[in-house]
Protein backbone atom coordinates (compact mmCIF):
# COMPACT_ATOMS: atom_id res chain seq x y z
CA THR A 1 31.09 24.90 -3.99
CA PRO A 2 29.32 22.92 -1.25
CA GLU A 3 30.45 25.44 1.37
CA LEU A 4 28.48 28.18 -0.41
CA VAL A 5 25.57 26.41 -2.07
CA VAL A 6 24.26 24.22 0.74
CA PRO A 7 24.08 26.90 3.47
CA LEU A 8 22.37 29.29 1.04
CA LEU A 9 19.73 26.73 0.14
CA VAL A 10 19.12 25.89 3.78
CA GLN A 11 18.77 29.60 4.58
CA ALA A 12 16.30 29.96 1.72
CA MET A 13 14.29 27.11 3.16
CA ASP A 14 14.28 28.83 6.56
CA ALA A 15 13.16 32.10 5.02
CA PHE A 16 10.50 30.52 2.78
CA PRO A 17 9.31 27.34 4.50
CA ASP A 18 6.51 26.80 1.97
CA LEU A 19 8.78 27.06 -1.04
CA SER A 20 9.43 23.47 -2.05
CA GLN A 21 11.74 24.46 -4.90
CA THR A 22 14.56 25.15 -2.47
CA VAL A 23 14.26 21.68 -1.01
CA LEU A 24 14.18 20.22 -4.51
CA ALA A 25 17.23 22.25 -5.49
CA LEU A 26 19.11 21.07 -2.44
CA SER A 27 18.21 17.44 -3.11
CA SER A 28 19.17 17.74 -6.79
CA TYR A 29 22.51 19.20 -5.81
CA ARG A 30 23.20 16.40 -3.37
CA ASN A 31 21.85 13.74 -5.73
CA GLY A 32 24.13 14.98 -8.48
CA ARG A 33 27.11 14.69 -6.17
CA ASN A 34 25.92 11.26 -4.92
CA GLU A 35 26.30 12.28 -1.29
CA GLY A 36 23.65 10.25 0.50
CA LYS A 37 24.74 10.90 4.08
CA GLU A 38 25.06 14.62 3.46
CA LEU A 39 21.60 14.67 1.89
CA VAL A 40 20.14 13.17 5.06
CA ALA A 41 22.03 15.61 7.23
CA ASP A 42 20.86 18.60 5.22
CA LEU A 43 17.21 17.66 4.89
CA ALA A 44 16.52 16.01 8.25
CA PRO A 45 16.28 19.33 10.17
CA LEU A 46 13.70 20.53 7.65
CA ALA A 47 11.53 17.43 7.86
CA GLU A 48 9.19 18.61 10.60
CA ARG A 49 8.36 21.82 8.74
CA HIS A 50 8.43 20.54 5.20
CA PRO A 51 7.10 17.09 4.25
CA ASP A 52 8.81 17.31 0.85
CA SER A 53 12.13 16.69 2.57
CA ILE A 54 10.89 13.26 3.67
CA LYS A 55 9.59 12.52 0.15
CA ILE A 56 12.90 13.51 -1.41
CA LEU A 57 14.82 11.22 0.91
CA GLN A 58 12.39 8.37 0.16
CA ASN A 59 12.86 8.89 -3.58
CA TYR A 60 16.61 9.02 -3.10
CA ALA A 61 16.58 5.73 -1.15
CA ALA A 62 14.39 4.11 -3.83
CA ALA A 63 16.82 5.25 -6.54
CA LEU A 64 19.73 3.77 -4.60
CA MET A 65 17.85 0.47 -4.28
CA ASP A 66 17.23 0.45 -8.04
CA GLU A 67 21.00 0.76 -8.47
CA ASN A 68 21.47 -2.12 -6.01
CA GLU A 69 23.27 0.19 -3.57
CA LEU A 70 21.43 -1.43 -0.68
CA GLU A 71 23.83 -0.50 2.11
CA THR A 72 23.70 3.20 1.24
CA ALA A 73 19.92 3.04 0.86
CA GLU A 74 19.63 1.33 4.24
CA GLY A 75 21.51 4.19 5.91
CA VAL A 76 19.09 6.73 4.44
CA LEU A 77 16.08 4.62 5.42
CA LYS A 78 17.28 4.12 9.00
CA SER A 79 17.45 7.90 9.33
CA LEU A 80 13.94 8.17 7.92
CA ILE A 81 12.64 5.56 10.37
CA GLU A 82 14.03 7.69 13.20
CA LEU A 83 12.40 10.82 11.75
CA SER A 84 9.01 9.22 11.08
CA PRO A 85 8.73 5.66 12.40
CA GLN A 86 5.14 5.12 11.19
CA ASP A 87 5.47 6.47 7.66
CA GLY A 88 3.98 3.86 5.33
CA LEU A 89 6.34 4.43 2.39
CA THR A 90 9.44 4.41 4.59
CA LEU A 91 8.35 1.10 6.13
CA LEU A 92 7.76 -0.35 2.67
CA LEU A 93 11.13 0.78 1.32
CA TYR A 94 13.03 -0.37 4.40
CA GLY A 95 11.19 -3.69 4.36
CA ASN A 96 12.01 -4.27 0.69
CA CYS A 97 15.63 -3.30 1.33
CA LEU A 98 15.90 -5.95 4.07
CA PHE A 99 14.00 -8.52 1.97
CA GLN A 100 16.37 -8.06 -0.97
CA GLN A 101 19.23 -8.84 1.40
CA GLU A 102 17.29 -11.87 2.76
CA ARG A 103 17.49 -10.51 6.31
CA LEU A 104 14.15 -12.05 7.17
CA GLU A 105 14.38 -11.99 10.96
CA GLU A 106 15.22 -8.28 10.95
CA LEU A 107 12.22 -7.80 8.68
CA ARG A 108 9.72 -9.18 11.23
CA PRO A 109 9.30 -5.92 13.22
CA ILE A 110 8.72 -4.04 9.95
CA ILE A 111 6.02 -6.54 8.96
CA HIS A 112 4.42 -5.98 12.37
CA ALA A 113 4.68 -2.18 12.04
CA ILE A 114 2.97 -2.36 8.63
CA ASP A 115 0.09 -4.24 10.30
CA GLN A 116 -0.41 -1.20 12.54
CA LEU A 117 -0.78 1.25 9.63
CA PRO A 118 -4.18 2.94 9.22
CA GLU A 119 -6.30 1.29 6.53
CA LYS A 120 -6.01 4.28 4.20
CA GLU A 121 -2.19 4.08 4.27
CA TYR A 122 -2.01 0.33 3.67
CA THR A 123 -1.27 -0.42 0.02
CA ALA A 124 -1.03 -3.45 -2.25
CA ASP A 125 2.75 -3.21 -2.15
CA HIS A 126 2.66 -3.55 1.65
CA ALA A 127 0.55 -6.70 1.33
CA ILE A 128 2.90 -8.10 -1.33
CA LEU A 129 5.94 -7.58 0.91
CA GLN A 130 4.14 -9.30 3.79
CA MET A 131 3.08 -12.19 1.54
CA ARG A 132 6.62 -12.69 0.27
CA HIS A 133 8.02 -12.62 3.80
CA GLY A 134 5.52 -15.23 5.00
CA TRP A 135 6.12 -17.48 1.99
CA LYS A 136 9.92 -17.20 2.28
CA HIS A 137 9.67 -18.13 5.95
CA GLY A 138 7.45 -21.12 5.19
CA GLU A 139 4.54 -19.51 7.05
CA LEU A 140 1.96 -20.28 4.37
CA ALA A 141 -1.13 -19.62 6.50
CA GLN A 142 0.20 -16.14 7.30
CA ALA A 143 1.07 -15.53 3.64
CA ARG A 144 -2.44 -16.58 2.58
CA LYS A 145 -3.92 -14.17 5.12
CA TYR A 146 -2.06 -11.30 3.49
CA ALA A 147 -2.98 -12.65 0.03
CA GLU A 148 -6.65 -12.45 0.97
CA ARG A 149 -6.16 -8.87 2.11
CA LEU A 150 -4.35 -8.08 -1.13
CA VAL A 151 -7.13 -9.43 -3.34
CA SER A 152 -9.69 -7.35 -1.42
CA LEU A 153 -7.90 -4.03 -2.16
CA PRO A 154 -9.58 -2.00 -4.95
CA GLU A 155 -6.16 -0.60 -5.89
CA ILE A 156 -5.01 -3.84 -7.53
CA TYR A 157 -7.86 -3.75 -10.06
CA ALA A 158 -6.97 -0.22 -11.22
CA HIS A 159 -3.43 -0.85 -12.52
CA VAL A 160 -2.37 -3.31 -15.20
CA ARG A 161 0.94 -4.00 -13.46
CA PHE A 162 -0.95 -6.09 -10.91
CA ALA A 163 -2.28 -8.33 -13.69
CA HIS A 164 1.36 -9.27 -14.31
CA LEU A 165 2.41 -9.34 -10.66
CA VAL A 166 -0.33 -11.00 -8.61
CA PRO A 167 -0.92 -14.42 -10.28
CA PRO A 168 2.72 -15.59 -9.83
CA LEU A 169 2.54 -14.53 -6.17
CA LEU A 170 -0.64 -16.50 -5.52
CA ARG A 171 0.45 -19.66 -7.36
CA PRO A 172 3.05 -20.96 -4.84
CA LEU A 173 0.52 -20.40 -2.04
CA GLU A 174 -1.94 -22.65 -3.87
CA ALA A 175 -4.57 -20.01 -3.10
CA TRP A 176 -6.71 -21.12 -6.03
CA GLU A 177 -9.97 -19.47 -4.98
CA LEU A 178 -8.13 -16.17 -4.48
CA GLN A 179 -6.39 -16.58 -7.83
CA ARG A 180 -9.74 -17.25 -9.53
CA ARG A 181 -11.35 -14.28 -7.78
CA PHE A 182 -8.53 -11.94 -8.73
CA ALA A 183 -8.36 -13.00 -12.38
CA ALA A 184 -12.14 -12.99 -12.86
CA THR A 185 -12.59 -9.57 -11.22
CA PHE A 186 -9.68 -8.03 -13.12
CA LEU A 187 -10.99 -9.34 -16.44
CA ASN A 188 -14.53 -8.13 -15.72
CA LEU A 189 -13.32 -4.63 -14.84
CA ASN A 190 -10.54 -4.19 -17.39
CA ALA A 191 -11.29 -6.44 -20.36
CA GLU A 192 -10.68 -3.58 -22.82
CA LYS A 193 -7.58 -2.18 -21.13
CA VAL A 194 -5.20 -5.09 -20.61
CA ASP A 195 -2.34 -5.73 -23.00
CA ALA A 196 -1.76 -9.12 -24.59
CA ALA A 197 0.80 -10.28 -22.02
CA ALA A 198 -1.46 -9.33 -19.12
CA LEU A 199 -4.46 -10.99 -20.78
CA LYS A 200 -2.51 -14.24 -21.21
CA ARG A 201 -1.39 -14.20 -17.58
CA LEU A 202 -4.93 -13.57 -16.32
CA CYS A 203 -6.42 -16.29 -18.53
CA ASP A 204 -3.73 -18.75 -17.43
CA ALA A 205 -4.50 -17.90 -13.79
CA ARG A 206 -8.25 -18.38 -14.32
CA MET A 207 -7.78 -21.71 -16.09
CA GLU A 208 -5.33 -22.98 -13.50
CA ALA A 209 -7.62 -21.95 -10.64
CA ASP A 210 -10.72 -23.46 -12.29
CA PHE A 211 -8.85 -26.72 -12.86
CA HIS A 212 -7.58 -27.00 -9.27
CA THR A 213 -10.96 -26.07 -7.75
CA GLN A 214 -12.77 -28.43 -10.17
CA ASN A 215 -14.86 -25.62 -11.65
CA TYR A 216 -14.89 -27.48 -14.94
CA GLU A 217 -18.05 -25.85 -16.28
CA ASP A 218 -16.55 -22.38 -15.76
CA LEU A 219 -13.32 -23.57 -17.33
CA ALA A 220 -15.23 -24.82 -20.38
CA VAL A 221 -17.04 -21.47 -20.72
CA LEU A 222 -13.77 -19.53 -20.49
CA LEU A 223 -12.11 -21.77 -23.09
CA GLU A 224 -15.09 -21.37 -25.40
CA ARG A 225 -14.87 -17.57 -25.13
CA LEU A 226 -11.14 -17.62 -25.82
CA LEU A 227 -11.57 -19.84 -28.89
CA ARG A 228 -14.15 -17.59 -30.56
């Protein structure tokens, strides 16, 4: 029963603060019972001593967002913001939660807080959220600024998912030079790794960018390679 299990797990965490399994057990128990508020209440006191408690709550909020339970996720994320207001993943999750609800004005302070993150904590997903916010608000110059930062991150050339994700984000910004740079760099680094769908998207992005920037010679070379 909750009256027995939860206090025992919390006591175990107090007795063995480095033993993450007790935190995981507690989160699994709460997750299984779908008790988001209780999960926050149980794990929040442990957060200062055990970073896994923050991670578990972040994962729980992300799972709720995947299930489109945005209001419940928002409650968890608000608690996390109070616990650790400059945590990069919490800011990203909370920002995406607000963006999915199209609460763009409330998202502004999160966008600003992300700008204050140390360089090593700033990720491609942060830049993508900021780009989307700027574009949705009609602030194209701001969105292009974040697009330029995105294309300069080594992270986006290491994962095939960005080959699918980035070109459609750059297209409405008409950031053709950035689109060309991204597609060309990704193809040069990962020509043997990309799947067929990613290869098509990258080639389409290159051709579109070459056409709009009037790089017709490069476009001809690319087409010749593709037709071999």
